[in-house]
Each structure stands twice: as structure tokens, then as C-alpha cells.
Amino acid sequence: MTKLTGKVAMVTGAASGIGQSLAIKLASKGCKLALSDLSVDQLQQTVELIQQRSPNTDVKTYALDVADKQAFELHANQVNEDFGQINLLFNNAGVALSSLVSDNKREDFEWLMNINFWGVVNGVESVLPYMKQTESAHIINISSVFGMISISRQSSYNASKFAVRGYTEALAQEMALSHPSIQVSCVHPGGINTNIAKQARISEDEDREELVKSFSKLARTQPEKAADIIIKGVEKNKRRIMVGQDAHLIHFMVRLLGAGYQPLTQWFAKRFDYV
């Protein structure tokens, strides 16, 4: 899919961050937009920004909990009825959890997996039947650099993002074999300047203010830049899209060192008191 004009794009988690920036950029490309988030009220800011920059955009908003499989199926059906087709799915909605494995609460782990991983699966399974009816389609699943390396206190997040990567890469191969009109991309953002750290669940021994401060130092890429990179990758039908210089560096490091990267991340954890 090299041209996005007139295509129908679904974006989850579109009320802020990367999702909001993706929606704005897709509108400028001439896409019709089906934007979802937990709260339709929060989506209104995204719509207003789109209307300011691309006033003729056909955009509709939907309340959606991506962790709810039945809700996602109903949502996909509604979008198909509203727009007549579905060409692009950006599985973007995600949350964070910071905790040592020994302190991790199972309910928090399941909460994160239900959104970060099962939310992606729910999206793919709900939308695929409609995409198979179109001439061209593209599924874009947002993983992370933490789908390539693991670090202390991020075991749950790592598990979800590694799972997204494995699932997406298998899906890409299956579509290439059986439905080559459907492209699949896995996105690996590095540090993106969003509110994910502010909204993360954390263990009792952590200081949220310090966590946000540390994250802010590492989050060098703005959401607008991230969206631009992602959409350019989609237009080039890239199966793996790296977002940010840090993502490219980590990708190179893992390819070079294999499991040998772990002493480096252990040093990082000690250096920044992240143990």
C-alpha cells in the first residue's frame, strides 16, 4: 500500500501520544479515520486538531476497550458499516507496568497483557475478515524496543512486547503466503515523549515522580516524529519499523551481541538505581 488517499484507517489509543499523532498524519494523507479509545470525550481533542489541519477529513470516534474481544468485534463490524471497508489497522493502544518480578501482582500483569498483547490479537482477529474483502490492506502492530531487549523492572512489559513481535512476524509470513494483498508491520519505538510513564502502574517501592523524570530523559523522540516514521514505513511496506535513533542502536546491539547485551542492561540498572 504505497498510497493512503481514500483508505479507511482504524487507530486504537488515538486520544493522545503516538495514536493522536498517527491520526493527524493519516488525515493529512487523505485517509478516512475510525478513531477509538476508552473515552470518546478524550478523543475530541484529536478530532479538533484534525479539523484544524485537515478540515475535510471523514472521521468518526468510538469508545473501545481493546481488551474486550467481543467489543472489538462489534467495533470492527461498526467501522465496516460506517465506511464500507477497512484498509488499515493501527494496534496502538498500550499501557506500562514497572515492578520487580518478585513484587509483581498477578492482577497487574494480567491487566497489562490484556491490553498490550490480547488487545492486538483482538484487533487482528476482528479486522482480518473485512481486510480479506479489500484490494489492499495493512496491519500495523506497535511493539517496542522492549520487544527486542529486556531490562529490570519491565518483565511484564517485556513479555507483552516480545509477544506482539512474535505474533506479528508469524502473521506477516502467513499473510504473504495466503493473502499477499494484506501487508503486516511490527513497530519498535524507542523512547517516545508520551504520558505512558505518568499513567503506568508501579510497585509500592517506586517513586512515580522519579520514574517519570527518568523516562523523560530517555524519551527523546516526539510523537509527531514517531508517527511520521511509522507512516513512511507503512508506505514502503516495511515488516519491521524502528522508531528513533535509540531503537536503531538497540536493534544493532542485539544483532551484534545476541544475549550478550544483558550485562550492559544490568550495568544500566545499577547505574541508575533501577534494581
Protein backbone atom coordinates (compact mmCIF):
# COMPACT_ATOMS: atom_id res chain seq x y z
CA MET A 1 0.00 0.00 0.00
CA THR A 2 2.01 2.93 -1.28
CA LYS A 3 -0.86 5.41 -1.47
CA LEU A 4 -3.06 6.15 1.55
CA THR A 5 -5.52 8.62 0.00
CA GLY A 6 -9.08 7.41 0.45
CA LYS A 7 -8.10 4.45 2.63
CA VAL A 8 -10.01 3.71 5.83
CA ALA A 9 -7.70 3.62 8.86
CA MET A 10 -8.57 2.35 12.34
CA VAL A 11 -6.37 3.70 15.15
CA THR A 12 -6.68 2.47 18.73
CA GLY A 13 -5.49 4.59 21.63
CA ALA A 14 -6.00 7.68 19.48
CA ALA A 15 -6.74 10.15 22.29
CA SER A 16 -3.09 11.02 22.94
CA GLY A 17 0.55 10.23 22.24
CA ILE A 18 1.52 8.25 19.17
CA GLY A 19 -2.11 7.37 18.42
CA GLN A 20 -3.15 11.01 18.26
CA SER A 21 -0.18 11.92 16.07
CA LEU A 22 -0.88 8.97 13.76
CA ALA A 23 -4.46 10.16 13.33
CA ILE A 24 -3.38 13.70 12.46
CA LYS A 25 -0.77 12.47 9.99
CA LEU A 26 -3.14 9.97 8.36
CA ALA A 27 -5.70 12.75 7.92
CA SER A 28 -3.11 14.84 6.09
CA LYS A 29 -2.57 11.85 3.79
CA GLY A 30 -6.25 11.80 2.87
CA CYS A 31 -7.34 8.82 4.96
CA LYS A 32 -10.79 8.29 6.40
CA LEU A 33 -10.45 7.72 10.13
CA ALA A 34 -12.06 5.43 12.70
CA LEU A 35 -10.51 6.55 15.98
CA SER A 36 -11.01 4.68 19.24
CA ASP A 37 -10.06 4.99 22.88
CA LEU A 38 -11.55 4.18 26.26
CA SER A 39 -13.13 7.63 26.38
CA VAL A 40 -14.78 9.32 23.41
CA ASP A 41 -14.58 12.62 25.29
CA GLN A 42 -10.77 12.50 25.28
CA LEU A 43 -10.82 11.72 21.56
CA GLN A 44 -12.48 15.05 20.88
CA GLN A 45 -9.15 16.88 21.20
CA THR A 46 -7.72 14.66 18.47
CA VAL A 47 -10.71 15.40 16.26
CA GLU A 48 -10.34 19.14 16.84
CA LEU A 49 -6.67 19.03 15.87
CA ILE A 50 -7.55 17.10 12.71
CA GLN A 51 -10.28 19.57 11.79
CA GLN A 52 -7.85 22.47 12.19
CA ARG A 53 -5.28 20.93 9.85
CA SER A 54 -7.33 18.72 7.52
CA PRO A 55 -10.91 20.07 7.74
CA ASN A 56 -12.36 17.81 5.05
CA THR A 57 -11.37 14.57 6.80
CA ASP A 58 -14.09 11.96 7.25
CA VAL A 59 -13.51 11.00 10.91
CA LYS A 60 -15.61 9.08 13.42
CA THR A 61 -14.85 8.28 17.07
CA TYR A 62 -15.67 5.17 19.10
CA ALA A 63 -15.39 4.15 22.73
CA LEU A 64 -13.40 0.90 22.84
CA ASP A 65 -11.71 -1.29 25.41
CA VAL A 66 -9.26 -3.26 23.26
CA ALA A 67 -9.03 -5.94 25.96
CA ASP A 68 -12.68 -6.85 25.34
CA LYS A 69 -12.74 -9.28 22.41
CA GLN A 70 -16.48 -9.05 21.82
CA ALA A 71 -16.36 -5.25 21.96
CA PHE A 72 -13.58 -5.20 19.36
CA GLU A 73 -15.55 -7.50 17.06
CA LEU A 74 -18.60 -5.23 17.33
CA HIS A 75 -16.37 -2.21 16.76
CA ALA A 76 -14.84 -3.66 13.58
CA ASN A 77 -18.29 -4.50 12.27
CA GLN A 78 -19.49 -0.96 13.00
CA VAL A 79 -16.50 0.62 11.29
CA ASN A 80 -17.05 -1.55 8.23
CA GLU A 81 -20.71 -0.50 8.15
CA ASP A 82 -19.82 3.19 8.62
CA PHE A 83 -17.09 3.34 5.97
CA GLY A 84 -17.77 0.36 3.69
CA GLN A 85 -14.29 -1.15 4.14
CA ILE A 86 -11.25 -1.34 6.41
CA ASN A 87 -7.79 -0.88 4.89
CA LEU A 88 -5.50 -0.06 7.80
CA LEU A 89 -5.42 -1.14 11.42
CA PHE A 90 -3.02 0.56 13.82
CA ASN A 91 -2.99 -1.53 17.01
CA ASN A 92 -1.53 1.27 19.09
CA ALA A 93 -3.27 1.19 22.49
CA GLY A 94 -0.89 0.25 25.29
CA VAL A 95 -0.07 0.62 28.98
CA ALA A 96 3.01 0.24 31.20
CA LEU A 97 3.86 -1.51 34.45
CA SER A 98 7.05 -1.09 36.47
CA SER A 99 7.79 -3.73 39.09
CA LEU A 100 10.33 -6.35 40.09
CA VAL A 101 9.24 -9.91 39.27
CA SER A 102 9.20 -10.73 43.00
CA ASP A 103 6.84 -7.81 43.70
CA ASN A 104 4.62 -8.16 40.66
CA LYS A 105 0.91 -8.51 41.32
CA ARG A 106 -0.79 -11.04 39.06
CA GLU A 107 -3.80 -8.78 38.52
CA ASP A 108 -1.49 -6.01 37.28
CA PHE A 109 0.34 -8.43 34.98
CA GLU A 110 -2.94 -9.68 33.51
CA TRP A 111 -4.25 -6.10 33.15
CA LEU A 112 -1.20 -5.20 31.07
CA MET A 113 -1.24 -8.36 28.94
CA ASN A 114 -4.95 -7.99 28.23
CA ILE A 115 -4.31 -4.57 26.70
CA ASN A 116 -0.81 -4.78 25.22
CA PHE A 117 -0.97 -8.30 23.80
CA TRP A 118 -4.54 -9.58 23.74
CA GLY A 119 -5.69 -6.15 22.56
CA VAL A 120 -3.50 -6.62 19.49
CA VAL A 121 -4.81 -10.15 18.92
CA ASN A 122 -8.39 -8.96 19.34
CA GLY A 123 -7.78 -6.26 16.76
CA VAL A 124 -6.25 -8.57 14.20
CA GLU A 125 -8.87 -11.29 14.59
CA SER A 126 -11.72 -8.77 14.41
CA VAL A 127 -10.48 -6.91 11.34
CA LEU A 128 -8.96 -9.66 9.18
CA PRO A 129 -12.29 -10.89 7.72
CA TYR A 130 -13.02 -7.39 6.41
CA MET A 131 -9.49 -6.84 5.13
CA LYS A 132 -9.67 -10.02 3.09
CA GLN A 133 -12.52 -8.41 1.14
CA THR A 134 -10.42 -5.39 0.10
CA GLU A 135 -7.88 -4.98 -2.69
CA SER A 136 -5.17 -3.80 -0.31
CA ALA A 137 -4.81 -3.67 3.46
CA HIS A 138 -2.17 -3.25 6.13
CA ILE A 139 -1.97 -4.28 9.79
CA ILE A 140 0.42 -2.29 11.97
CA ASN A 141 1.11 -3.64 15.46
CA ILE A 142 3.01 -1.49 17.94
CA SER A 143 5.65 -3.43 19.86
CA SER A 144 8.64 -1.64 21.43
CA VAL A 145 12.41 -1.74 21.73
CA PHE A 146 11.44 -3.75 24.81
CA GLY A 147 10.21 -6.35 22.36
CA MET A 148 13.89 -6.76 21.42
CA ILE A 149 15.69 -6.41 24.76
CA SER A 150 14.65 -6.94 28.37
CA ILE A 151 15.53 -4.80 31.37
CA SER A 152 14.99 -4.90 35.12
CA ARG A 153 11.51 -3.95 36.40
CA GLN A 154 9.97 -4.37 32.97
CA SER A 155 9.31 -8.13 32.90
CA SER A 156 5.57 -7.73 32.27
CA TYR A 157 6.00 -5.04 29.64
CA ASN A 158 8.82 -7.02 28.03
CA ALA A 159 6.64 -10.14 27.95
CA SER A 160 3.81 -8.28 26.21
CA LYS A 161 6.01 -6.60 23.63
CA PHE A 162 8.05 -9.72 22.82
CA ALA A 163 4.69 -11.49 22.38
CA VAL A 164 3.47 -8.77 20.00
CA ARG A 165 6.64 -9.11 17.96
CA GLY A 166 6.43 -12.90 17.69
CA TYR A 167 2.73 -12.85 16.86
CA THR A 168 3.15 -10.10 14.26
CA GLU A 169 6.10 -11.69 12.49
CA ALA A 170 4.23 -15.01 12.20
CA LEU A 171 1.16 -13.16 10.92
CA ALA A 172 3.26 -11.36 8.31
CA GLN A 173 4.53 -14.69 6.95
CA GLU A 174 1.05 -16.21 6.87
CA MET A 175 -0.41 -13.24 5.01
CA ALA A 176 2.45 -13.30 2.50
CA LEU A 177 1.67 -16.95 1.79
CA SER A 178 -2.13 -16.84 1.74
CA HIS A 179 -3.25 -13.20 1.33
CA PRO A 180 -0.42 -11.14 -0.20
CA SER A 181 -2.73 -8.13 -0.54
CA ILE A 182 -2.53 -7.75 3.26
CA GLN A 183 0.76 -6.30 4.48
CA VAL A 184 1.89 -6.58 8.11
CA SER A 185 4.32 -4.36 10.03
CA CYS A 186 5.73 -4.58 13.53
CA VAL A 187 6.76 -1.22 15.01
CA HIS A 188 9.54 -0.86 17.60
CA PRO A 189 9.55 2.63 19.11
CA GLY A 190 12.37 3.71 21.37
CA GLY A 191 11.79 6.40 23.97
CA ILE A 192 8.78 8.45 22.84
CA ASN A 193 7.74 11.55 24.75
CA THR A 194 4.22 10.47 25.78
CA ASN A 195 2.28 10.15 29.05
CA ILE A 196 2.75 6.39 29.32
CA ALA A 197 5.06 6.66 32.37
CA LYS A 198 2.65 9.02 34.14
CA GLN A 199 -0.19 6.55 33.63
CA ALA A 200 1.80 3.38 34.40
CA ARG A 201 1.11 1.10 37.30
CA ILE A 202 4.08 0.90 39.64
CA SER A 203 5.13 -1.14 42.67
CA GLU A 204 4.89 0.28 46.18
CA ASP A 205 8.64 0.85 46.50
CA GLU A 206 8.81 3.16 43.47
CA ASP A 207 8.55 6.94 43.30
CA ARG A 208 6.34 7.95 40.37
CA GLU A 209 7.92 11.37 40.10
CA GLU A 210 11.38 9.83 39.79
CA LEU A 211 10.12 7.27 37.29
CA VAL A 212 8.60 9.99 35.09
CA LYS A 213 11.77 12.08 35.38
CA SER A 214 13.97 9.14 34.34
CA PHE A 215 11.65 8.27 31.46
CA SER A 216 11.64 11.87 30.25
CA LYS A 217 15.44 11.85 30.00
CA LEU A 218 15.31 8.82 27.72
CA ALA A 219 12.23 9.81 25.69
CA ARG A 220 13.96 11.87 23.02
CA THR A 221 11.55 11.31 20.12
CA GLN A 222 8.36 13.37 19.85
CA PRO A 223 5.09 11.55 18.98
CA GLU A 224 4.77 13.58 15.77
CA LYS A 225 8.16 12.34 14.57
CA ALA A 226 7.28 8.80 15.56
CA ALA A 227 4.05 8.94 13.55
CA ASP A 228 5.91 10.28 10.53
CA ILE A 229 8.43 7.41 10.67
CA ILE A 230 5.70 4.80 11.13
CA ILE A 231 3.61 6.01 8.21
CA LYS A 232 6.64 6.23 5.93
CA GLY A 233 7.40 2.63 6.89
CA VAL A 234 3.84 1.62 6.07
CA GLU A 235 4.05 3.31 2.67
CA LYS A 236 7.22 1.30 1.97
CA ASN A 237 5.58 -1.92 3.24
CA LYS A 238 8.33 -2.49 5.80
CA ARG A 239 7.80 -5.51 8.01
CA ARG A 240 9.90 -4.03 10.84
CA ILE A 241 9.81 -0.31 11.58
CA MET A 242 12.36 1.14 14.02
CA VAL A 243 11.40 4.48 15.57
CA GLY A 244 14.14 6.73 16.93
CA GLN A 245 17.93 6.61 16.97
CA ASP A 246 17.83 4.69 20.24
CA ALA A 247 15.70 2.00 18.60
CA HIS A 248 18.19 1.63 15.75
CA LEU A 249 21.07 1.46 18.24
CA ILE A 250 19.38 -1.21 20.33
CA HIS A 251 18.45 -3.17 17.21
CA PHE A 252 22.11 -3.11 16.11
CA MET A 253 23.33 -4.04 19.60
CA VAL A 254 21.07 -7.09 19.83
CA ARG A 255 22.08 -8.26 16.35
CA LEU A 256 25.75 -7.81 17.27
CA LEU A 257 25.79 -9.21 20.80
CA GLY A 258 22.85 -11.59 20.99
CA ALA A 259 22.23 -12.45 24.65
CA GLY A 260 25.49 -10.67 25.42
CA TYR A 261 23.58 -7.39 25.68
CA GLN A 262 22.36 -8.37 29.16
CA PRO A 263 25.48 -7.32 31.12
CA LEU A 264 25.07 -3.87 29.56
CA THR A 265 21.46 -3.54 30.71
CA GLN A 266 22.45 -4.86 34.14
CA TRP A 267 25.07 -2.13 34.36
CA PHE A 268 22.43 0.39 33.29
CA ALA A 269 20.09 -0.83 36.05
CA LYS A 270 22.79 -0.46 38.71
CA ARG A 271 23.98 2.89 37.35
CA PHE A 272 20.51 4.39 37.59
CA ASP A 273 19.45 2.52 40.74
CA TYR A 274 16.85 0.58 38.78
CA VAL A 275 17.05 -2.65 40.80
